[in-house]
Amino acid sequence: MNTKVLILPGWHNSGPAHWQTLWETHRGYLRVQQHSWDAPLRGDWMAQLEEAVLAHDSTVLVAHSLACILVAAWAAHSRNTHRVKAALLVAPSDVERPEMQHLLHSWSPIVRERLPFASTLVSSRNDPYCSFMRASALAHAWGSRLVDMGHCGHINADAHVGAWPQGQALLDELLIEEEKQHHGH
């Protein structure tokens, strides 16, 4: 079975220097396009993710920022979560912060149900969009393994991680672990 890696950028999309774009370019991963990157509506983004997942027998989700919140919302509603083998959730955005309410009103509350597939949540201790404590609580709620990236800010192009080999290693690790569980080892 050929597993397709789906890149899920956050609010305002991922620019040319973002690790997600570099992965897409160099590894052939597929970016899920959204109708509006700048005025995102949760239901619309969920529909786009559903279509992308349905286009492949088996997928792995690589979500950044707002897209981490998308994965949780989608997984709670979709009947096709069995098509997702695993998810790498990087630098979730805390859309419940008061200053985000009017900007991203359709994204609250954050869905806090356990994800029905293996997941790793990566966060830093000084992410301006989500405190490490909140990220830890989300990882716990979603049943995700939590990886502490130290003090590198919001893990995007501004964090100067380049093609982020550490992130690729975490994705590879997640897939190996999922494969072991799938084959009962």
Protein backbone atom coordinates (compact mmCIF):
# COMPACT_ATOMS: atom_id res chain seq x y z
CA MET A 1 0.00 0.00 0.00
CA ASN A 2 1.44 3.35 -1.03
CA THR A 3 1.14 5.90 1.75
CA LYS A 4 0.89 9.54 0.72
CA VAL A 5 2.27 12.22 3.04
CA LEU A 6 -0.09 15.19 3.15
CA ILE A 7 1.35 18.59 4.10
CA LEU A 8 -1.14 20.71 6.06
CA PRO A 9 0.08 24.30 6.39
CA GLY A 10 -1.38 26.65 8.95
CA TRP A 11 -2.89 30.10 8.72
CA HIS A 12 -1.45 32.15 5.81
CA ASN A 13 0.06 28.98 4.26
CA SER A 14 3.75 28.00 4.40
CA GLY A 15 6.12 30.17 2.39
CA PRO A 16 9.11 29.15 0.23
CA ALA A 17 11.61 28.94 3.15
CA HIS A 18 9.25 26.97 5.43
CA TRP A 19 10.29 23.39 6.21
CA GLN A 20 6.88 22.15 4.96
CA THR A 21 7.52 23.69 1.53
CA LEU A 22 11.05 22.24 1.48
CA TRP A 23 9.68 18.78 2.32
CA GLU A 24 7.05 19.12 -0.39
CA THR A 25 9.66 20.18 -2.96
CA HIS A 26 12.39 17.67 -2.07
CA ARG A 27 10.36 14.67 -0.93
CA GLY A 28 7.33 14.81 -3.17
CA TYR A 29 4.82 15.25 -0.37
CA LEU A 30 1.42 16.68 -1.30
CA ARG A 31 0.20 20.02 0.05
CA VAL A 32 -3.51 20.16 0.86
CA GLN A 33 -4.75 23.42 -0.69
CA GLN A 34 -7.30 25.55 1.10
CA HIS A 35 -9.82 28.00 -0.41
CA SER A 36 -8.67 30.78 1.90
CA TRP A 37 -5.32 30.78 3.67
CA ASP A 38 -5.92 34.22 5.16
CA ALA A 39 -9.53 33.93 6.36
CA PRO A 40 -9.68 30.25 7.32
CA LEU A 41 -12.99 28.62 8.18
CA ARG A 42 -12.73 25.38 10.13
CA GLY A 43 -15.55 23.61 8.27
CA ASP A 44 -14.11 24.54 4.89
CA TRP A 45 -10.62 23.37 5.86
CA MET A 46 -12.09 20.11 7.23
CA ALA A 47 -13.85 19.49 3.89
CA GLN A 48 -10.59 20.04 1.98
CA LEU A 49 -8.75 17.62 4.28
CA GLU A 50 -11.52 15.04 3.89
CA GLU A 51 -11.23 15.23 0.08
CA ALA A 52 -7.45 14.87 0.24
CA VAL A 53 -7.65 11.85 2.57
CA LEU A 54 -10.29 10.20 0.35
CA ALA A 55 -8.02 10.57 -2.68
CA HIS A 56 -5.53 8.08 -1.19
CA ASP A 57 -5.86 4.65 0.44
CA SER A 58 -3.34 5.51 3.11
CA THR A 59 -2.06 8.89 4.32
CA VAL A 60 0.19 10.47 6.89
CA LEU A 61 -0.60 14.01 8.00
CA VAL A 62 2.11 16.61 8.60
CA ALA A 63 0.35 19.57 10.21
CA HIS A 64 1.72 22.94 11.26
CA SER A 65 0.19 25.53 13.61
CA LEU A 66 -3.53 26.02 12.87
CA ALA A 67 -3.53 22.76 10.90
CA CYS A 68 -2.88 20.83 14.15
CA ILE A 69 -6.22 22.15 15.39
CA LEU A 70 -7.68 21.15 12.00
CA VAL A 71 -6.49 17.54 12.37
CA ALA A 72 -8.19 17.21 15.78
CA ALA A 73 -11.46 18.72 14.51
CA TRP A 74 -11.43 16.60 11.34
CA ALA A 75 -10.63 13.36 13.21
CA ALA A 76 -13.59 13.91 15.57
CA HIS A 77 -16.02 14.14 12.63
CA SER A 78 -14.66 12.07 9.75
CA ARG A 79 -15.63 8.47 9.05
CA ASN A 80 -12.38 8.04 7.14
CA THR A 81 -9.80 8.31 9.91
CA HIS A 82 -8.82 4.68 9.19
CA ARG A 83 -7.08 6.00 6.04
CA VAL A 84 -4.65 7.99 8.22
CA LYS A 85 -1.72 5.99 9.54
CA ALA A 86 -0.17 8.73 11.65
CA ALA A 87 0.17 12.49 12.17
CA LEU A 88 3.07 14.78 12.95
CA LEU A 89 1.62 17.85 14.67
CA VAL A 90 4.07 20.74 14.79
CA ALA A 91 3.74 23.96 16.82
CA PRO A 92 -0.03 23.94 17.42
CA SER A 93 -1.69 27.33 17.53
CA ASP A 94 -3.76 28.13 20.60
CA VAL A 95 -6.88 29.55 18.92
CA GLU A 96 -8.60 29.87 22.31
CA ARG A 97 -6.37 32.80 23.36
CA PRO A 98 -8.60 35.91 23.74
CA GLU A 99 -6.76 37.88 21.04
CA MET A 100 -7.47 35.08 18.52
CA GLN A 101 -11.22 34.84 19.10
CA HIS A 102 -12.29 37.50 16.59
CA LEU A 103 -9.62 36.48 14.04
CA LEU A 104 -10.33 32.74 14.05
CA HIS A 105 -13.83 32.57 15.52
CA SER A 106 -14.82 29.29 13.82
CA TRP A 107 -11.87 27.41 15.35
CA SER A 108 -12.92 27.48 19.04
CA PRO A 109 -13.24 25.48 21.09
CA ILE A 110 -10.30 23.21 20.25
CA VAL A 111 -11.42 19.60 19.90
CA ARG A 112 -9.78 17.57 22.66
CA GLU A 113 -10.68 14.01 21.71
CA ARG A 114 -8.08 11.27 21.49
CA LEU A 115 -6.84 10.88 17.92
CA PRO A 116 -7.65 7.49 16.36
CA PHE A 117 -4.14 7.17 14.87
CA ALA A 118 -0.56 7.45 16.11
CA SER A 119 0.65 11.02 16.56
CA THR A 120 3.60 13.06 17.72
CA LEU A 121 3.18 16.69 18.81
CA VAL A 122 6.27 18.90 18.56
CA SER A 123 6.38 22.18 20.49
CA SER A 124 8.91 24.68 21.75
CA ARG A 125 9.06 26.34 25.15
CA ASN A 126 8.85 29.88 23.74
CA ASP A 127 6.29 29.58 20.95
CA PRO A 128 4.41 32.91 20.93
CA TYR A 129 1.26 31.25 19.56
CA CYS A 130 0.92 28.46 22.14
CA SER A 131 2.50 28.04 25.56
CA PHE A 132 4.36 24.80 26.20
CA MET A 133 1.89 24.03 28.99
CA ARG A 134 -1.06 24.33 26.56
CA ALA A 135 0.77 22.26 23.93
CA SER A 136 1.45 19.58 26.57
CA ALA A 137 -2.23 19.54 27.53
CA LEU A 138 -3.23 19.16 23.87
CA ALA A 139 -0.74 16.32 23.38
CA HIS A 140 -2.23 14.59 26.42
CA ALA A 141 -5.82 15.08 25.21
CA TRP A 142 -5.00 13.86 21.69
CA GLY A 143 -2.95 10.88 22.91
CA SER A 144 0.14 12.26 21.17
CA ARG A 145 3.76 11.73 22.07
CA LEU A 146 5.17 15.13 23.09
CA VAL A 147 8.54 16.29 21.78
CA ASP A 148 10.15 19.35 23.40
CA MET A 149 12.14 21.41 20.86
CA GLY A 150 13.60 23.67 23.53
CA HIS A 151 13.61 27.40 22.79
CA CYS A 152 13.23 27.80 19.03
CA GLY A 153 10.03 29.86 18.88
CA HIS A 154 7.24 28.96 16.46
CA ILE A 155 8.72 26.12 14.39
CA ASN A 156 8.50 27.83 10.99
CA ALA A 157 10.86 29.60 8.57
CA ASP A 158 11.63 32.24 11.25
CA ALA A 159 12.98 29.50 13.52
CA HIS A 160 15.78 28.91 10.98
CA VAL A 161 15.36 25.13 10.99
CA GLY A 162 15.85 24.92 7.20
CA ALA A 163 14.59 21.60 5.84
CA TRP A 164 14.30 20.54 9.50
CA PRO A 165 16.02 17.12 9.42
CA GLN A 166 15.04 16.57 13.07
CA GLY A 167 11.38 16.85 12.06
CA GLN A 168 11.87 14.38 9.21
CA ALA A 169 13.52 11.98 11.67
CA LEU A 170 10.49 12.33 13.99
CA LEU A 171 8.18 11.58 11.06
CA ASP A 172 10.24 8.53 10.08
CA GLU A 173 10.21 7.34 13.72
CA LEU A 174 6.43 7.75 13.90
CA LEU A 175 5.99 5.69 10.73
CA ILE A 176 8.30 2.92 11.95
CA GLU A 177 6.40 2.77 15.26
CA GLU A 178 3.04 2.68 13.45
CA GLU A 179 4.28 -0.10 11.16
CA LYS A 180 5.37 -2.18 14.19
CA GLN A 181 1.94 -1.77 15.84
CA HIS A 182 0.18 -2.53 12.55
CA HIS A 183 2.07 -5.80 12.18
CA GLY A 184 1.73 -6.67 15.86
CA HIS A 185 5.40 -6.68 16.81
